[in-house]
Amino acid sequence: MKTIHTNKAPKAIGPYSQGILAGNTLYVSGQIPVDLETEKNIDDIYKATTKALEYILAIVNEAGLKKKDIVKCCVFLKDLTDFEVMNKAYSDFFKDHKPARVALEVSKLPKDVVVEIDCIAVK
């Protein structure tokens, strides 16, 4: 088992790793859309979704995997009415690659962000 860390994604805000590589499987912790330089939330749902996915990809790449290796994502939305716009950003990011996914509304997210996304990738 190997801990994965990159400066291209936000530092963990609790006692957990950005990612854990166990054998050929990478488990990426939930990524939130916080600007790395200003530490401010990105509130536009399209931009926020894209940023969270970019952070996930940075962790995936740090582990030596690629976008096509992502097999499942969980999307946690602050407001399910953002589902359509989130879907557009998600689709634009992944293009023809379509990992399995769940998307759901939650009552609150860390740092009061609008979306959090985690994933699993396999070599």
Protein backbone atom coordinates (compact mmCIF):
# COMPACT_ATOMS: atom_id res chain seq x y z
CA MET A 1 0.00 0.00 0.00
CA LYS A 2 1.32 3.43 -0.95
CA THR A 3 0.19 6.93 0.03
CA ILE A 4 -0.20 9.30 -2.92
CA HIS A 5 0.30 13.05 -2.50
CA THR A 6 0.66 15.92 -4.94
CA ASN A 7 0.94 19.68 -4.54
CA LYS A 8 -1.35 19.98 -7.58
CA ALA A 9 -4.39 19.23 -5.41
CA PRO A 10 -5.53 20.68 -2.06
CA LYS A 11 -3.93 19.33 1.09
CA ALA A 12 -6.11 17.00 3.10
CA ILE A 13 -8.20 18.94 5.62
CA GLY A 14 -8.35 16.02 8.02
CA PRO A 15 -6.56 12.81 9.01
CA TYR A 16 -6.62 11.17 5.58
CA SER A 17 -4.53 10.88 2.40
CA GLN A 18 -5.24 12.41 -1.00
CA GLY A 19 -4.97 8.92 -2.39
CA ILE A 20 -4.05 5.36 -1.49
CA LEU A 21 -2.66 2.92 -4.05
CA ALA A 22 -3.43 -0.64 -2.97
CA GLY A 23 -2.10 -3.07 -5.52
CA ASN A 24 -3.42 -1.89 -8.88
CA THR A 25 -6.29 0.09 -7.36
CA LEU A 26 -6.13 3.79 -6.49
CA TYR A 27 -8.64 5.23 -4.05
CA VAL A 28 -8.83 9.02 -4.34
CA SER A 29 -10.31 10.93 -1.40
CA GLY A 30 -13.02 13.49 -2.03
CA GLN A 31 -11.70 16.58 -3.79
CA ILE A 32 -13.31 19.96 -3.28
CA PRO A 33 -13.15 23.02 -5.54
CA VAL A 34 -10.90 25.31 -3.55
CA ASP A 35 -8.42 27.56 -5.36
CA LEU A 36 -4.91 26.36 -4.45
CA GLU A 37 -3.46 29.88 -4.25
CA THR A 38 -6.24 31.85 -2.57
CA GLU A 39 -7.88 28.91 -0.73
CA LYS A 40 -11.25 30.42 -1.71
CA ASN A 41 -14.18 28.28 -2.78
CA ILE A 42 -15.12 28.07 -6.43
CA ASP A 43 -18.90 28.48 -6.33
CA ASP A 44 -19.86 28.27 -10.02
CA ILE A 45 -20.98 24.63 -10.34
CA TYR A 46 -19.48 24.09 -13.81
CA LYS A 47 -16.10 25.52 -12.80
CA ALA A 48 -16.27 23.79 -9.40
CA THR A 49 -16.96 20.38 -10.92
CA THR A 50 -14.16 20.85 -13.45
CA LYS A 51 -11.71 21.93 -10.75
CA ALA A 52 -12.53 18.95 -8.48
CA LEU A 53 -12.02 16.60 -11.44
CA GLU A 54 -8.71 18.31 -12.31
CA TYR A 55 -7.54 17.71 -8.74
CA ILE A 56 -8.58 14.07 -9.00
CA LEU A 57 -6.66 13.72 -12.25
CA ALA A 58 -3.56 15.27 -10.65
CA ILE A 59 -3.68 12.61 -7.92
CA VAL A 60 -4.38 9.85 -10.47
CA ASN A 61 -1.39 11.03 -12.55
CA GLU A 62 0.83 11.22 -9.45
CA ALA A 63 0.08 7.52 -8.89
CA GLY A 64 1.16 6.74 -12.46
CA LEU A 65 -2.34 6.22 -13.79
CA LYS A 66 -4.33 8.06 -16.46
CA LYS A 67 -7.82 9.49 -16.86
CA LYS A 68 -8.90 6.34 -18.73
CA ASP A 69 -8.03 4.30 -15.60
CA ILE A 70 -10.77 5.99 -13.55
CA VAL A 71 -13.53 3.40 -13.13
CA LYS A 72 -15.94 4.99 -10.64
CA CYS A 73 -16.76 8.43 -9.26
CA CYS A 74 -19.03 9.59 -6.46
CA VAL A 75 -20.35 13.14 -6.84
CA PHE A 76 -21.75 14.87 -3.77
CA LEU A 77 -23.79 17.98 -4.57
CA LYS A 78 -24.87 20.68 -2.15
CA ASP A 79 -27.95 21.26 -4.35
CA LEU A 80 -29.35 18.63 -6.72
CA THR A 81 -30.73 21.38 -8.96
CA ASP A 82 -27.07 21.73 -10.07
CA PHE A 83 -27.21 18.18 -11.49
CA GLU A 84 -27.61 19.20 -15.16
CA VAL A 85 -24.73 21.70 -15.13
CA MET A 86 -22.53 19.27 -13.16
CA ASN A 87 -23.32 16.61 -15.78
CA LYS A 88 -22.20 18.97 -18.56
CA ALA A 89 -18.88 19.71 -16.81
CA TYR A 90 -18.39 16.01 -16.02
CA SER A 91 -19.12 15.02 -19.63
CA ASP A 92 -16.83 17.74 -21.01
CA PHE A 93 -14.04 16.54 -18.71
CA PHE A 94 -14.30 12.81 -19.42
CA LYS A 95 -15.39 13.08 -23.09
CA ASP A 96 -15.84 9.51 -24.44
CA HIS A 97 -14.65 7.83 -21.23
CA LYS A 98 -17.63 7.10 -18.99
CA PRO A 99 -16.73 5.76 -15.52
CA ALA A 100 -19.47 4.30 -13.35
CA ARG A 101 -20.91 7.03 -11.13
CA VAL A 102 -23.29 7.97 -8.39
CA ALA A 103 -24.44 11.56 -7.83
CA LEU A 104 -26.44 12.66 -4.83
CA GLU A 105 -27.41 15.69 -2.79
CA VAL A 106 -26.02 16.03 0.71
CA SER A 107 -27.00 18.48 3.43
CA LYS A 108 -23.53 20.00 3.85
CA LEU A 109 -20.01 19.66 2.45
CA PRO A 110 -16.61 20.57 3.94
CA LYS A 111 -15.79 24.28 3.73
CA ASP A 112 -19.36 24.81 2.45
CA VAL A 113 -18.36 23.98 -1.15
CA VAL A 114 -20.95 23.22 -3.85
CA VAL A 115 -19.54 19.84 -4.90
CA GLU A 116 -17.14 17.13 -3.74
CA ILE A 117 -15.99 14.23 -5.91
CA ASP A 118 -14.05 11.08 -5.10
CA CYS A 119 -13.03 8.23 -7.37
CA ILE A 120 -11.49 4.83 -7.83
CA ALA A 121 -8.97 4.10 -10.59
CA VAL A 122 -7.45 0.78 -11.63
CA LYS A 123 -4.21 0.16 -13.58
